[in-house]
């Protein structure tokens, strides 16, 4: 994924999240918004690595780690699920230079969502 494509997706996702959950800005301030952007860059970077390795398991391992870190900081799993759902939808709506890469990202995100749903039922 080109840097400009990644930046566009990160901004769209972050804007949507903070519009849907205005309490986040009250709870975490601008630092929280900056972390959300940073997290989404990490999500996309890990998707890129998983794509290069042809390994959904790599992205699921990252998702497990992410869930452990964020829940320990009082960020609930449902916000990660929401974030991934937004990434899937937005990726599906835009054209990327590499459409196969986009399809794989969406597939890996969907697998990670299934995994997160099993964690949230525990």
Protein backbone atom coordinates (compact mmCIF):
# COMPACT_ATOMS: atom_id res chain seq x y z
CA UNK A 1 0.00 0.00 0.00
CA UNK A 2 1.31 3.39 -0.92
CA UNK A 3 1.99 5.85 1.90
CA UNK A 4 -0.61 8.28 0.57
CA UNK A 5 -3.24 5.50 0.51
CA UNK A 6 -2.38 4.50 4.07
CA UNK A 7 -2.55 8.09 5.30
CA UNK A 8 -5.96 8.61 3.68
CA UNK A 9 -7.39 5.47 5.29
CA UNK A 10 -5.94 6.34 8.71
CA UNK A 11 -7.49 9.81 8.61
CA UNK A 12 -10.88 8.50 7.48
CA UNK A 13 -10.98 5.83 10.19
CA UNK A 14 -9.84 8.18 12.94
CA UNK A 15 -12.35 10.86 11.95
CA UNK A 16 -15.16 8.29 11.94
CA UNK A 17 -14.18 6.85 15.31
CA UNK A 18 -14.08 10.23 17.01
CA UNK A 19 -17.38 11.24 15.41
CA UNK A 20 -19.04 8.01 16.58
CA UNK A 21 -17.50 8.12 20.08
CA UNK A 22 -17.15 11.77 21.14
CA UNK A 23 -16.49 10.66 24.73
CA UNK A 24 -13.05 9.47 23.57
CA UNK A 25 -11.81 13.03 23.11
CA UNK A 26 -13.08 13.87 26.61
CA UNK A 27 -11.53 10.73 28.09
CA UNK A 28 -8.19 10.66 26.24
CA UNK A 29 -7.83 14.16 24.70
CA UNK A 30 -5.74 14.95 21.63
CA UNK A 31 -3.16 12.42 22.79
CA UNK A 32 -5.80 9.69 22.44
CA UNK A 33 -6.64 10.83 18.92
CA UNK A 34 -2.94 10.82 18.03
CA UNK A 35 -2.64 7.29 19.45
CA UNK A 36 -5.67 6.20 17.39
CA UNK A 37 -3.94 7.44 14.24
CA UNK A 38 -0.72 5.74 15.31
CA UNK A 39 -2.58 2.50 16.07
CA UNK A 40 -4.19 2.52 12.64
CA UNK A 41 -0.82 2.98 10.98
CA UNK A 42 0.32 -0.05 12.99
CA UNK A 43 -2.75 -2.04 11.91
CA UNK A 44 -2.00 -1.32 8.26
CA UNK A 45 1.74 -1.95 8.69
CA UNK A 46 0.99 -5.34 10.25
CA UNK A 47 -1.48 -6.12 7.48
CA UNK A 48 1.26 -5.29 4.97
CA UNK A 49 3.72 -7.60 6.75
CA UNK A 50 1.12 -10.37 6.93
CA UNK A 51 0.41 -9.90 3.22
CA UNK A 52 4.11 -10.15 2.35
CA UNK A 53 4.43 -13.27 4.51
CA UNK A 54 1.13 -14.71 3.22
CA UNK A 55 0.17 -15.27 6.87
CA UNK A 56 -3.19 -14.46 8.40
CA UNK A 57 -1.79 -15.98 11.61
CA UNK A 58 0.74 -13.15 11.84
CA UNK A 59 -2.06 -10.57 11.83
CA UNK A 60 -4.10 -12.55 14.35
CA UNK A 61 -1.07 -12.71 16.66
CA UNK A 62 -0.75 -8.94 16.34
CA UNK A 63 -4.48 -8.62 17.11
CA UNK A 64 -4.07 -10.71 20.28
CA UNK A 65 -1.17 -8.53 21.40
CA UNK A 66 -3.12 -5.35 20.57
CA UNK A 67 -6.17 -6.52 22.51
CA UNK A 68 -4.03 -7.35 25.56
CA UNK A 69 -2.28 -3.98 25.50
CA UNK A 70 -5.38 -1.88 24.92
CA UNK A 71 -7.64 -3.68 27.39
CA UNK A 72 -4.93 -3.28 30.03
CA UNK A 73 -5.26 0.48 29.35
CA UNK A 74 -9.05 0.38 29.75
CA UNK A 75 -9.78 0.42 26.01
CA UNK A 76 -12.46 -2.24 25.52
CA UNK A 77 -12.29 -4.95 22.84
CA UNK A 78 -15.44 -3.61 21.18
CA UNK A 79 -13.49 -0.51 20.12
CA UNK A 80 -10.91 -2.69 18.35
CA UNK A 81 -13.75 -4.59 16.68
CA UNK A 82 -15.33 -1.30 15.63
CA UNK A 83 -11.99 -0.07 14.28
CA UNK A 84 -11.44 -3.23 12.21
CA UNK A 85 -15.01 -3.10 10.87
CA UNK A 86 -14.41 0.49 9.77
CA UNK A 87 -11.15 -0.51 8.08
CA UNK A 88 -12.93 -3.29 6.19
CA UNK A 89 -15.70 -0.97 5.01
CA UNK A 90 -13.37 1.88 4.02
CA UNK A 91 -10.93 -0.43 2.25
CA UNK A 92 -13.87 -1.84 0.31
CA UNK A 93 -14.98 1.63 -0.76
CA UNK A 94 -11.71 2.99 -2.10
CA UNK A 95 -9.52 2.03 -5.02
CA UNK A 96 -5.95 1.09 -4.22
CA UNK A 97 -3.07 0.67 -6.59
CA UNK A 98 -2.90 -3.03 -5.64
CA UNK A 99 -6.43 -4.41 -5.49
CA UNK A 100 -5.22 -7.93 -4.58
CA UNK A 101 -3.45 -6.51 -1.55
CA UNK A 102 -6.71 -4.80 -0.57
CA UNK A 103 -8.67 -8.08 -0.86
CA UNK A 104 -6.13 -9.88 1.33
CA UNK A 105 -6.17 -7.09 3.93
CA UNK A 106 -9.95 -7.36 4.12
CA UNK A 107 -9.76 -11.16 4.46
CA UNK A 108 -7.18 -10.91 7.26
CA UNK A 109 -9.23 -8.25 9.05
CA UNK A 110 -12.32 -10.46 8.81
CA UNK A 111 -10.42 -13.39 10.32
CA UNK A 112 -9.11 -11.18 13.11
CA UNK A 113 -12.67 -9.97 13.78
CA UNK A 114 -13.88 -13.54 14.14
CA UNK A 115 -11.09 -14.10 16.64
CA UNK A 116 -11.91 -10.92 18.59
CA UNK A 117 -15.55 -11.94 18.82
CA UNK A 118 -14.49 -15.22 20.43
CA UNK A 119 -12.37 -13.28 22.96
CA UNK A 120 -15.20 -10.91 23.83
CA UNK A 121 -17.51 -13.87 24.61
CA UNK A 122 -15.19 -15.19 27.31
